[in-house]
Amino acid sequence: MGSEDVLWPEAPVEEAQSTEIVEEPKFMTALQVGKPTHTMCHKKRCARLRRRNSLRIDTRRGAWLSSGRWLLLRASDNSIMYVPPSFRLDDPTKIAAFVRQYSFATFITDDGNAPFASHLPMLHRSECGNAGALLSHMARANPQWQHFASGREALAIFHGPHGYISPSWYQTKPAVPTWNYAAVHAYGVPKVFSDHGRIVALLEELVTVYESGFEEPWPGNLPDDYRDKMIQSIVAFEMPISRIEGKFKLNQNRPAADIQNVIETLRRSPDADNQALARLMIAECGDRP
């Protein structure tokens, strides 16, 4: 579920004139095909590249140049996550609600050598820009925040309920096992902010959000000097969302009877995760009698 960009410390491929070359300091991240208007246009671009560079080419993904370097070809829909139409979630209200409910994200950056991941609670600001923004903080000792200076795009992955689905639960045969899940991918270029008042407000909001479900929420009262000392040990940041993708893989491609059998089996499970998955399936697919 993600990009297949390959980083290499070499010069751009000058002969690939039908591509748009994207460069970063010291490393080139990808060669992107200029947005084709339709599939035939995309195939023609690939054919031109093949003739000019002796490519072994796969029009769905990319090609190996004769020099041995990988050329990434991206489709025009800017989609990075593999999402069949049956599982695509496009409703911005549902996506925002999902991000708020499952706000503990896997946050991935690239330092120019390899992917780097942290696991962070994130606040979603739906009022910022077209797709909103994400705010969070991490330990200053975590080197990930230093990756932001490159201006490269980062990825935040929000995970919802998930679980194994046995083919024995289906009425329709033959069938194979699968895994049902829900996830949202948010992309953007994160930026550090250092305004003290803004950091205090972010921390107070995080406490309010996560304490609100308790009978006696912790009020967050701390001596100012202790709070400010702790703030020196963190780095706060905001990531305006450049694009966001939702994928709810919940057996929508199966007959209604199969979906209902899966829901009933998950609902009877003693496992809390399975029960949560059943509730999500009911919300998305309906509870069919």
C-alpha atoms as a PDB file:
ATOM      1  CA  MET A   1       0.000   0.000   0.000  1.00  0.00           C
ATOM      2  CA  GLY A   2       2.186   2.787  -1.089  1.00  0.00           C
ATOM      3  CA  SER A   3       4.532   4.389  -3.523  1.00  0.00           C
ATOM      4  CA  GLU A   4       7.259   2.384  -5.187  1.00  0.00           C
ATOM      5  CA  ASP A   5       9.669   5.264  -5.677  1.00  0.00           C
ATOM      6  CA  VAL A   6      13.306   4.257  -5.794  1.00  0.00           C
ATOM      7  CA  LEU A   7      15.967   6.692  -4.644  1.00  0.00           C
ATOM      8  CA  TRP A   8      19.344   6.766  -6.300  1.00  0.00           C
ATOM      9  CA  PRO A   9      22.249   9.242  -6.096  1.00  0.00           C
ATOM     10  CA  GLU A  10      22.651   9.766  -9.832  1.00  0.00           C
ATOM     11  CA  ALA A  11      21.972  12.471 -12.393  1.00  0.00           C
ATOM     12  CA  PRO A  12      18.582  12.729 -14.110  1.00  0.00           C
ATOM     13  CA  VAL A  13      18.031  10.671 -17.251  1.00  0.00           C
ATOM     14  CA  GLU A  14      18.241  13.331 -19.963  1.00  0.00           C
ATOM     15  CA  GLU A  15      16.928  11.162 -22.784  1.00  0.00           C
ATOM     16  CA  ALA A  16      13.578  10.534 -21.071  1.00  0.00           C
ATOM     17  CA  GLN A  17      12.132  13.714 -22.574  1.00  0.00           C
ATOM     18  CA  SER A  18       8.490  12.643 -22.196  1.00  0.00           C
ATOM     19  CA  THR A  19       8.764  12.675 -18.429  1.00  0.00           C
ATOM     20  CA  GLU A  20       8.748  15.375 -15.839  1.00  0.00           C
ATOM     21  CA  ILE A  21      11.912  15.057 -13.747  1.00  0.00           C
ATOM     22  CA  VAL A  22      11.555  15.633 -10.029  1.00  0.00           C
ATOM     23  CA  GLU A  23      14.796  16.245  -8.191  1.00  0.00           C
ATOM     24  CA  GLU A  24      15.695  16.541  -4.514  1.00  0.00           C
ATOM     25  CA  PRO A  25      19.069  17.599  -3.128  1.00  0.00           C
ATOM     26  CA  LYS A  26      21.587  14.765  -3.770  1.00  0.00           C
ATOM     27  CA  PHE A  27      18.865  12.277  -4.661  1.00  0.00           C
ATOM     28  CA  MET A  28      16.317  11.976  -7.444  1.00  0.00           C
ATOM     29  CA  THR A  29      13.097  10.542  -6.106  1.00  0.00           C
ATOM     30  CA  ALA A  30      11.097   9.696  -9.230  1.00  0.00           C
ATOM     31  CA  LEU A  31      10.522  10.340 -12.879  1.00  0.00           C
ATOM     32  CA  GLN A  32       6.861  11.070 -13.273  1.00  0.00           C
ATOM     33  CA  VAL A  33       4.965  10.773 -16.522  1.00  0.00           C
ATOM     34  CA  GLY A  34       3.312  14.099 -17.363  1.00  0.00           C
ATOM     35  CA  LYS A  35      -0.373  13.679 -16.595  1.00  0.00           C
ATOM     36  CA  PRO A  36      -1.900  11.588 -19.427  1.00  0.00           C
ATOM     37  CA  THR A  37      -5.473  12.467 -20.293  1.00  0.00           C
ATOM     38  CA  HIS A  38      -6.428   8.843 -20.842  1.00  0.00           C
ATOM     39  CA  THR A  39      -5.006   5.314 -20.941  1.00  0.00           C
ATOM     40  CA  MET A  40      -4.061   5.448 -24.633  1.00  0.00           C
ATOM     41  CA  CYS A  41      -2.071   8.634 -24.056  1.00  0.00           C
ATOM     42  CA  HIS A  42      -0.258   6.930 -21.167  1.00  0.00           C
ATOM     43  CA  LYS A  43       0.584   3.926 -23.381  1.00  0.00           C
ATOM     44  CA  LYS A  44       1.923   6.195 -26.148  1.00  0.00           C
ATOM     45  CA  ARG A  45       4.234   7.885 -23.666  1.00  0.00           C
ATOM     46  CA  CYS A  46       5.474   4.487 -22.546  1.00  0.00           C
ATOM     47  CA  ALA A  47       6.062   3.464 -26.171  1.00  0.00           C
ATOM     48  CA  ARG A  48       8.173   6.566 -26.779  1.00  0.00           C
ATOM     49  CA  LEU A  49      10.227   5.839 -23.669  1.00  0.00           C
ATOM     50  CA  ARG A  50      10.661   2.243 -24.799  1.00  0.00           C
ATOM     51  CA  ARG A  51      12.040   3.289 -28.198  1.00  0.00           C
ATOM     52  CA  ARG A  52      14.415   5.891 -26.763  1.00  0.00           C
ATOM     53  CA  ASN A  53      15.800   3.920 -23.840  1.00  0.00           C
ATOM     54  CA  SER A  54      15.518   0.207 -24.668  1.00  0.00           C
ATOM     55  CA  LEU A  55      13.115  -0.193 -21.756  1.00  0.00           C
ATOM     56  CA  ARG A  56      11.622  -3.310 -20.246  1.00  0.00           C
ATOM     57  CA  ILE A  57       8.353  -1.607 -19.406  1.00  0.00           C
ATOM     58  CA  ASP A  58       5.185  -2.241 -17.417  1.00  0.00           C
ATOM     59  CA  THR A  59       2.694   0.524 -18.187  1.00  0.00           C
ATOM     60  CA  ARG A  60       0.963   0.014 -14.832  1.00  0.00           C
ATOM     61  CA  ARG A  61       4.063   0.643 -12.712  1.00  0.00           C
ATOM     62  CA  GLY A  62       7.334   1.548 -14.389  1.00  0.00           C
ATOM     63  CA  ALA A  63      10.340   0.313 -16.287  1.00  0.00           C
ATOM     64  CA  TRP A  64      14.016  -0.507 -15.994  1.00  0.00           C
ATOM     65  CA  LEU A  65      16.254   1.706 -18.095  1.00  0.00           C
ATOM     66  CA  SER A  66      19.090   0.084 -20.027  1.00  0.00           C
ATOM     67  CA  SER A  67      21.435   1.687 -17.489  1.00  0.00           C
ATOM     68  CA  GLY A  68      19.788  -0.383 -14.764  1.00  0.00           C
ATOM     69  CA  ARG A  69      17.896   2.473 -13.125  1.00  0.00           C
ATOM     70  CA  TRP A  70      14.211   2.265 -12.301  1.00  0.00           C
ATOM     71  CA  LEU A  71      11.782   4.679 -13.931  1.00  0.00           C
ATOM     72  CA  LEU A  72       8.538   5.120 -12.000  1.00  0.00           C
ATOM     73  CA  LEU A  73       5.440   5.769 -14.110  1.00  0.00           C
ATOM     74  CA  ARG A  74       2.495   7.199 -12.221  1.00  0.00           C
ATOM     75  CA  ALA A  75      -1.097   7.279 -13.360  1.00  0.00           C
ATOM     76  CA  SER A  76      -2.871  10.590 -13.734  1.00  0.00           C
ATOM     77  CA  ASP A  77      -5.239  10.206 -10.769  1.00  0.00           C
ATOM     78  CA  ASN A  78      -2.473  10.933  -8.214  1.00  0.00           C
ATOM     79  CA  SER A  79      -3.445   7.766  -6.358  1.00  0.00           C
ATOM     80  CA  ILE A  80      -0.631   6.123  -4.426  1.00  0.00           C
ATOM     81  CA  MET A  81      -2.560   3.494  -2.494  1.00  0.00           C
ATOM     82  CA  TYR A  82      -4.020   0.571  -4.452  1.00  0.00           C
ATOM     83  CA  VAL A  83      -7.798   1.055  -4.147  1.00  0.00           C
ATOM     84  CA  PRO A  84     -10.240  -0.926  -6.312  1.00  0.00           C
ATOM     85  CA  PRO A  85     -13.421   1.070  -7.027  1.00  0.00           C
ATOM     86  CA  SER A  86     -15.542  -1.145  -4.742  1.00  0.00           C
ATOM     87  CA  PHE A  87     -13.407  -0.175  -1.744  1.00  0.00           C
ATOM     88  CA  ARG A  88     -12.738   3.509  -2.445  1.00  0.00           C
ATOM     89  CA  LEU A  89     -13.951   6.048   0.116  1.00  0.00           C
ATOM     90  CA  ASP A  90     -14.367   9.517  -1.379  1.00  0.00           C
ATOM     91  CA  ASP A  91     -16.697  11.154   1.145  1.00  0.00           C
ATOM     92  CA  PRO A  92     -14.603  13.904   2.828  1.00  0.00           C
ATOM     93  CA  THR A  93     -16.897  13.986   5.861  1.00  0.00           C
ATOM     94  CA  LYS A  94     -16.454  10.242   6.454  1.00  0.00           C
ATOM     95  CA  ILE A  95     -12.713  10.481   5.901  1.00  0.00           C
ATOM     96  CA  ALA A  96     -12.384  13.329   8.407  1.00  0.00           C
ATOM     97  CA  ALA A  97     -14.481  11.445  10.977  1.00  0.00           C
ATOM     98  CA  PHE A  98     -12.352   8.335  10.491  1.00  0.00           C
ATOM     99  CA  VAL A  99      -9.120  10.294  11.000  1.00  0.00           C
ATOM    100  CA  ARG A 100     -10.504  11.827  14.186  1.00  0.00           C
ATOM    101  CA  GLN A 101     -11.685   8.471  15.547  1.00  0.00           C
ATOM    102  CA  TYR A 102      -8.517   6.522  14.684  1.00  0.00           C
ATOM    103  CA  SER A 103      -6.091   9.364  15.231  1.00  0.00           C
ATOM    104  CA  PHE A 104      -3.014   7.351  16.281  1.00  0.00           C
ATOM    105  CA  ALA A 105      -1.128   7.339  12.990  1.00  0.00           C
ATOM    106  CA  THR A 106       1.908   5.703  11.439  1.00  0.00           C
ATOM    107  CA  PHE A 107       3.893   8.700  10.191  1.00  0.00           C
ATOM    108  CA  ILE A 108       6.421   8.010   7.435  1.00  0.00           C
ATOM    109  CA  THR A 109       9.129  10.248   6.000  1.00  0.00           C
ATOM    110  CA  ASP A 110      12.217   9.659   3.867  1.00  0.00           C
ATOM    111  CA  ASP A 111      15.654  10.872   4.870  1.00  0.00           C
ATOM    112  CA  GLY A 112      17.089  10.331   1.389  1.00  0.00           C
ATOM    113  CA  ASN A 113      18.328   6.856   2.221  1.00  0.00           C
ATOM    114  CA  ALA A 114      15.402   4.908   3.619  1.00  0.00           C
ATOM    115  CA  PRO A 115      11.843   5.284   4.933  1.00  0.00           C
ATOM    116  CA  PHE A 116      11.543   6.339   8.574  1.00  0.00           C
ATOM    117  CA  ALA A 117       8.414   5.762  10.681  1.00  0.00           C
ATOM    118  CA  SER A 118       7.079   7.078  13.963  1.00  0.00           C
ATOM    119  CA  HIS A 119       3.756   6.427  15.675  1.00  0.00           C
ATOM    120  CA  LEU A 120       1.975   9.578  16.751  1.00  0.00           C
ATOM    121  CA  PRO A 121      -1.431  10.901  17.801  1.00  0.00           C
ATOM    122  CA  MET A 122      -2.567  13.525  15.304  1.00  0.00           C
ATOM    123  CA  LEU A 123      -5.200  16.223  15.327  1.00  0.00           C
ATOM    124  CA  HIS A 124      -7.096  16.902  12.111  1.00  0.00           C
ATOM    125  CA  ARG A 125      -7.972  20.485  11.155  1.00  0.00           C
ATOM    126  CA  SER A 126     -10.693  20.198   8.532  1.00  0.00           C
ATOM    127  CA  GLU A 127     -10.946  23.979   8.148  1.00  0.00           C
ATOM    128  CA  CYS A 128      -7.382  24.306   6.813  1.00  0.00           C
ATOM    129  CA  GLY A 129      -7.172  24.183   3.025  1.00  0.00           C
ATOM    130  CA  ASN A 130      -9.097  21.864   0.744  1.00  0.00           C
ATOM    131  CA  ALA A 131      -8.285  18.632   2.588  1.00  0.00           C
ATOM    132  CA  GLY A 132      -7.386  20.003   6.010  1.00  0.00           C
ATOM    133  CA  ALA A 133      -4.170  19.701   7.982  1.00  0.00           C
ATOM    134  CA  LEU A 134      -2.633  17.393  10.583  1.00  0.00           C
ATOM    135  CA  LEU A 135      -0.925  18.614  13.756  1.00  0.00           C
ATOM    136  CA  SER A 136       1.224  16.643  16.141  1.00  0.00           C
ATOM    137  CA  HIS A 137       4.530  16.613  17.991  1.00  0.00           C
ATOM    138  CA  MET A 138       7.404  14.227  18.588  1.00  0.00           C
ATOM    139  CA  ALA A 139      10.414  13.982  20.882  1.00  0.00           C
ATOM    140  CA  ARG A 140      13.195  16.363  19.918  1.00  0.00           C
ATOM    141  CA  ALA A 141      15.546  13.382  20.216  1.00  0.00           C
ATOM    142  CA  ASN A 142      13.627  11.711  17.368  1.00  0.00           C
ATOM    143  CA  PRO A 143      15.602  12.565  14.188  1.00  0.00           C
ATOM    144  CA  GLN A 144      12.501  12.355  11.994  1.00  0.00           C
ATOM    145  CA  TRP A 145      11.619  16.045  12.326  1.00  0.00           C
ATOM    146  CA  GLN A 146      14.942  16.929  10.676  1.00  0.00           C
ATOM    147  CA  HIS A 147      13.677  15.225   7.483  1.00  0.00           C
ATOM    148  CA  PHE A 148      11.110  18.006   7.080  1.00  0.00           C
ATOM    149  CA  ALA A 149      13.789  20.441   5.875  1.00  0.00           C
ATOM    150  CA  SER A 150      14.095  18.522   2.584  1.00  0.00           C
ATOM    151  CA  GLY A 151      10.582  19.542   1.552  1.00  0.00           C
ATOM    152  CA  ARG A 152       9.752  15.947   0.657  1.00  0.00           C
ATOM    153  CA  GLU A 153       6.219  14.688   1.053  1.00  0.00           C
ATOM    154  CA  ALA A 154       5.381  12.638   4.148  1.00  0.00           C
ATOM    155  CA  LEU A 155       2.659  10.036   4.661  1.00  0.00           C
ATOM    156  CA  ALA A 156       0.361   9.561   7.657  1.00  0.00           C
ATOM    157  CA  ILE A 157      -1.512   6.248   7.774  1.00  0.00           C
ATOM    158  CA  PHE A 158      -4.621   5.935   9.946  1.00  0.00           C
ATOM    159  CA  HIS A 159      -5.692   2.369  10.707  1.00  0.00           C
ATOM    160  CA  GLY A 160      -9.241   1.331  11.581  1.00  0.00           C
ATOM    161  CA  PRO A 161     -10.726  -2.042  12.555  1.00  0.00           C
ATOM    162  CA  HIS A 162      -9.376  -5.050  10.680  1.00  0.00           C
ATOM    163  CA  GLY A 163      -9.609  -8.818  10.793  1.00  0.00           C
ATOM    164  CA  TYR A 164      -9.205 -12.149   9.054  1.00  0.00           C
ATOM    165  CA  ILE A 165     -12.190 -13.343   6.999  1.00  0.00           C
ATOM    166  CA  SER A 166     -12.591 -17.111   6.508  1.00  0.00           C
ATOM    167  CA  PRO A 167     -14.113 -18.422   3.263  1.00  0.00           C
ATOM    168  CA  SER A 168     -16.111 -20.829   5.418  1.00  0.00           C
ATOM    169  CA  TRP A 169     -18.305 -17.853   6.370  1.00  0.00           C
ATOM    170  CA  TYR A 170     -19.528 -17.345   2.789  1.00  0.00           C
ATOM    171  CA  GLN A 171     -22.538 -18.962   1.172  1.00  0.00           C
ATOM    172  CA  THR A 172     -20.965 -18.510  -2.264  1.00  0.00           C
ATOM    173  CA  LYS A 173     -18.396 -21.199  -3.115  1.00  0.00           C
ATOM    174  CA  PRO A 174     -15.583 -21.606  -3.984  1.00  0.00           C
ATOM    175  CA  ALA A 175     -13.878 -18.763  -2.135  1.00  0.00           C
ATOM    176  CA  VAL A 176     -10.559 -17.920  -0.540  1.00  0.00           C
ATOM    177  CA  PRO A 177      -9.533 -16.212   2.728  1.00  0.00           C
ATOM    178  CA  THR A 178      -9.112 -12.463   2.840  1.00  0.00           C
ATOM    179  CA  TRP A 179      -8.561  -9.625   5.292  1.00  0.00           C
ATOM    180  CA  ASN A 180     -11.061  -6.834   5.875  1.00  0.00           C
ATOM    181  CA  TYR A 181      -9.782  -3.450   6.978  1.00  0.00           C
ATOM    182  CA  ALA A 182     -10.184   0.301   6.791  1.00  0.00           C
ATOM    183  CA  ALA A 183      -7.386   2.799   6.298  1.00  0.00           C
ATOM    184  CA  VAL A 184      -6.808   6.407   5.315  1.00  0.00           C
ATOM    185  CA  HIS A 185      -3.582   7.734   3.804  1.00  0.00           C
ATOM    186  CA  ALA A 186      -2.835  11.453   4.089  1.00  0.00           C
ATOM    187  CA  TYR A 187       0.065  13.099   2.249  1.00  0.00           C
ATOM    188  CA  GLY A 188       1.706  16.470   2.671  1.00  0.00           C
ATOM    189  CA  VAL A 189       4.883  18.379   3.425  1.00  0.00           C
ATOM    190  CA  PRO A 190       5.247  18.803   7.218  1.00  0.00           C
ATOM    191  CA  LYS A 191       6.631  21.994   8.722  1.00  0.00           C
ATOM    192  CA  VAL A 192       7.906  22.615  12.249  1.00  0.00           C
ATOM    193  CA  PHE A 193       6.412  25.496  14.236  1.00  0.00           C
ATOM    194  CA  SER A 194       8.030  26.966  17.323  1.00  0.00           C
ATOM    195  CA  ASP A 195       5.572  29.601  18.552  1.00  0.00           C
ATOM    196  CA  HIS A 196       5.283  28.887  22.280  1.00  0.00           C
ATOM    197  CA  GLY A 197       1.622  29.838  22.593  1.00  0.00           C
ATOM    198  CA  ARG A 198       0.674  27.673  19.647  1.00  0.00           C
ATOM    199  CA  ILE A 199       2.532  24.677  21.085  1.00  0.00           C
ATOM    200  CA  VAL A 200       0.814  25.117  24.467  1.00  0.00           C
ATOM    201  CA  ALA A 201      -2.578  25.281  22.707  1.00  0.00           C
ATOM    202  CA  LEU A 202      -1.791  22.102  20.745  1.00  0.00           C
ATOM    203  CA  LEU A 203      -0.832  20.177  23.886  1.00  0.00           C
ATOM    204  CA  GLU A 204      -3.896  21.399  25.746  1.00  0.00           C
ATOM    205  CA  GLU A 205      -6.141  20.326  22.889  1.00  0.00           C
ATOM    206  CA  LEU A 206      -4.536  16.878  22.739  1.00  0.00           C
ATOM    207  CA  VAL A 207      -5.149  16.419  26.460  1.00  0.00           C
ATOM    208  CA  THR A 208      -8.756  17.598  26.121  1.00  0.00           C
ATOM    209  CA  VAL A 209      -9.450  15.246  23.207  1.00  0.00           C
ATOM    210  CA  TYR A 210      -8.009  12.129  24.795  1.00  0.00           C
ATOM    211  CA  GLU A 211      -9.169  12.810  28.357  1.00  0.00           C
ATOM    212  CA  SER A 212     -12.746  13.624  27.344  1.00  0.00           C
ATOM    213  CA  GLY A 213     -13.918  10.012  27.503  1.00  0.00           C
ATOM    214  CA  PHE A 214     -12.952   9.553  31.158  1.00  0.00           C
ATOM    215  CA  GLU A 215     -15.305  10.024  34.081  1.00  0.00           C
ATOM    216  CA  GLU A 216     -12.741  12.252  35.784  1.00  0.00           C
ATOM    217  CA  PRO A 217     -10.558  13.818  33.083  1.00  0.00           C
ATOM    218  CA  TRP A 218      -7.125  15.033  34.097  1.00  0.00           C
ATOM    219  CA  PRO A 219      -7.386  18.847  34.058  1.00  0.00           C
ATOM    220  CA  GLY A 220      -3.855  19.308  32.723  1.00  0.00           C
ATOM    221  CA  ASN A 221      -2.812  21.702  35.453  1.00  0.00           C
ATOM    222  CA  LEU A 222       0.969  21.944  35.458  1.00  0.00           C
ATOM    223  CA  PRO A 223       3.367  24.546  36.867  1.00  0.00           C
ATOM    224  CA  ASP A 224       4.390  26.826  33.997  1.00  0.00           C
ATOM    225  CA  ASP A 225       8.110  26.244  34.521  1.00  0.00           C
ATOM    226  CA  TYR A 226       7.669  22.455  34.443  1.00  0.00           C
ATOM    227  CA  ARG A 227       5.445  22.643  31.357  1.00  0.00           C
ATOM    228  CA  ASP A 228       7.903  24.889  29.526  1.00  0.00           C
ATOM    229  CA  LYS A 229      10.801  22.587  30.402  1.00  0.00           C
ATOM    230  CA  MET A 230       8.902  19.647  28.920  1.00  0.00           C
ATOM    231  CA  ILE A 231       8.081  21.667  25.795  1.00  0.00           C
ATOM    232  CA  GLN A 232      11.804  22.122  25.181  1.00  0.00           C
ATOM    233  CA  SER A 233      12.018  18.335  24.719  1.00  0.00           C
ATOM    234  CA  ILE A 234       9.509  18.146  21.865  1.00  0.00           C
ATOM    235  CA  VAL A 235       9.083  19.424  18.300  1.00  0.00           C
ATOM    236  CA  ALA A 236       5.617  20.459  17.132  1.00  0.00           C
ATOM    237  CA  PHE A 237       4.640  20.392  13.472  1.00  0.00           C
ATOM    238  CA  GLU A 238       1.793  20.874  11.031  1.00  0.00           C
ATOM    239  CA  MET A 239       1.238  18.984   7.776  1.00  0.00           C
ATOM    240  CA  PRO A 240      -1.173  20.603   5.303  1.00  0.00           C
ATOM    241  CA  ILE A 241      -2.813  17.699   3.463  1.00  0.00           C
ATOM    242  CA  SER A 242      -2.067  17.801  -0.261  1.00  0.00           C
ATOM    243  CA  ARG A 243      -4.165  14.690  -0.964  1.00  0.00           C
ATOM    244  CA  ILE A 244      -5.968  12.070   1.074  1.00  0.00           C
ATOM    245  CA  GLU A 245      -7.193   8.564   0.198  1.00  0.00           C
ATOM    246  CA  GLY A 246      -9.632   6.280   1.970  1.00  0.00           C
ATOM    247  CA  LYS A 247      -9.923   2.534   1.530  1.00  0.00           C
ATOM    248  CA  PHE A 248     -12.658   0.510   3.238  1.00  0.00           C
ATOM    249  CA  LYS A 249     -12.207  -3.116   2.197  1.00  0.00           C
ATOM    250  CA  LEU A 250     -15.306  -4.682   3.747  1.00  0.00           C
ATOM    251  CA  ASN A 251     -16.463  -7.415   1.343  1.00  0.00           C
ATOM    252  CA  GLN A 252     -18.393  -4.906  -0.799  1.00  0.00           C
ATOM    253  CA  ASN A 253     -17.514  -7.062  -3.830  1.00  0.00           C
ATOM    254  CA  ARG A 254     -19.317 -10.091  -2.337  1.00  0.00           C
ATOM    255  CA  PRO A 255     -23.029 -11.030  -2.591  1.00  0.00           C
ATOM    256  CA  ALA A 256     -25.276  -9.590   0.120  1.00  0.00           C
ATOM    257  CA  ALA A 257     -25.714 -12.996   1.795  1.00  0.00           C
ATOM    258  CA  ASP A 258     -21.949 -13.398   2.144  1.00  0.00           C
ATOM    259  CA  ILE A 259     -21.591  -9.925   3.654  1.00  0.00           C
ATOM    260  CA  GLN A 260     -24.311 -10.639   6.189  1.00  0.00           C
ATOM    261  CA  ASN A 261     -22.739 -13.947   7.182  1.00  0.00           C
ATOM    262  CA  VAL A 262     -19.406 -12.215   7.751  1.00  0.00           C
ATOM    263  CA  ILE A 263     -21.079  -9.525   9.862  1.00  0.00           C
ATOM    264  CA  GLU A 264     -22.899 -12.081  11.992  1.00  0.00           C
ATOM    265  CA  THR A 265     -19.774 -14.174  12.545  1.00  0.00           C
ATOM    266  CA  LEU A 266     -17.691 -11.162  13.518  1.00  0.00           C
ATOM    267  CA  ARG A 267     -20.454  -9.858  15.780  1.00  0.00           C
ATOM    268  CA  ARG A 268     -20.561 -13.179  17.694  1.00  0.00           C
ATOM    269  CA  SER A 269     -16.799 -13.187  18.180  1.00  0.00           C
ATOM    270  CA  PRO A 270     -15.473 -12.572  21.703  1.00  0.00           C
ATOM    271  CA  ASP A 271     -12.690 -10.506  20.160  1.00  0.00           C
ATOM    272  CA  ALA A 272     -13.265  -6.755  20.535  1.00  0.00           C
ATOM    273  CA  ASP A 273     -11.481  -6.003  17.255  1.00  0.00           C
ATOM    274  CA  ASN A 274     -13.783  -8.354  15.352  1.00  0.00           C
ATOM    275  CA  GLN A 275     -16.809  -6.737  16.936  1.00  0.00           C
ATOM    276  CA  ALA A 276     -15.536  -3.296  15.946  1.00  0.00           C
ATOM    277  CA  LEU A 277     -15.052  -4.546  12.392  1.00  0.00           C
ATOM    278  CA  ALA A 278     -18.637  -5.866  12.363  1.00  0.00           C
ATOM    279  CA  ARG A 279     -19.951  -2.465  13.463  1.00  0.00           C
ATOM    280  CA  LEU A 280     -18.005  -0.753  10.702  1.00  0.00           C
ATOM    281  CA  MET A 281     -19.333  -3.215   8.126  1.00  0.00           C
ATOM    282  CA  ILE A 282     -22.889  -2.575   9.308  1.00  0.00           C
ATOM    283  CA  ALA A 283     -22.331   1.186   9.017  1.00  0.00           C
ATOM    284  CA  GLU A 284     -20.882   0.887   5.507  1.00  0.00           C
ATOM    285  CA  CYS A 285     -22.700  -2.119   4.028  1.00  0.00           C
ATOM    286  CA  GLY A 286     -25.913  -2.178   6.048  1.00  0.00           C
ATOM    287  CA  ASP A 287     -27.269  -4.883   8.363  1.00  0.00           C
ATOM    288  CA  ARG A 288     -29.199  -7.111   6.023  1.00  0.00           C
ATOM    289  CA  PRO A 289     -31.861  -9.333   7.666  1.00  0.00           C
END
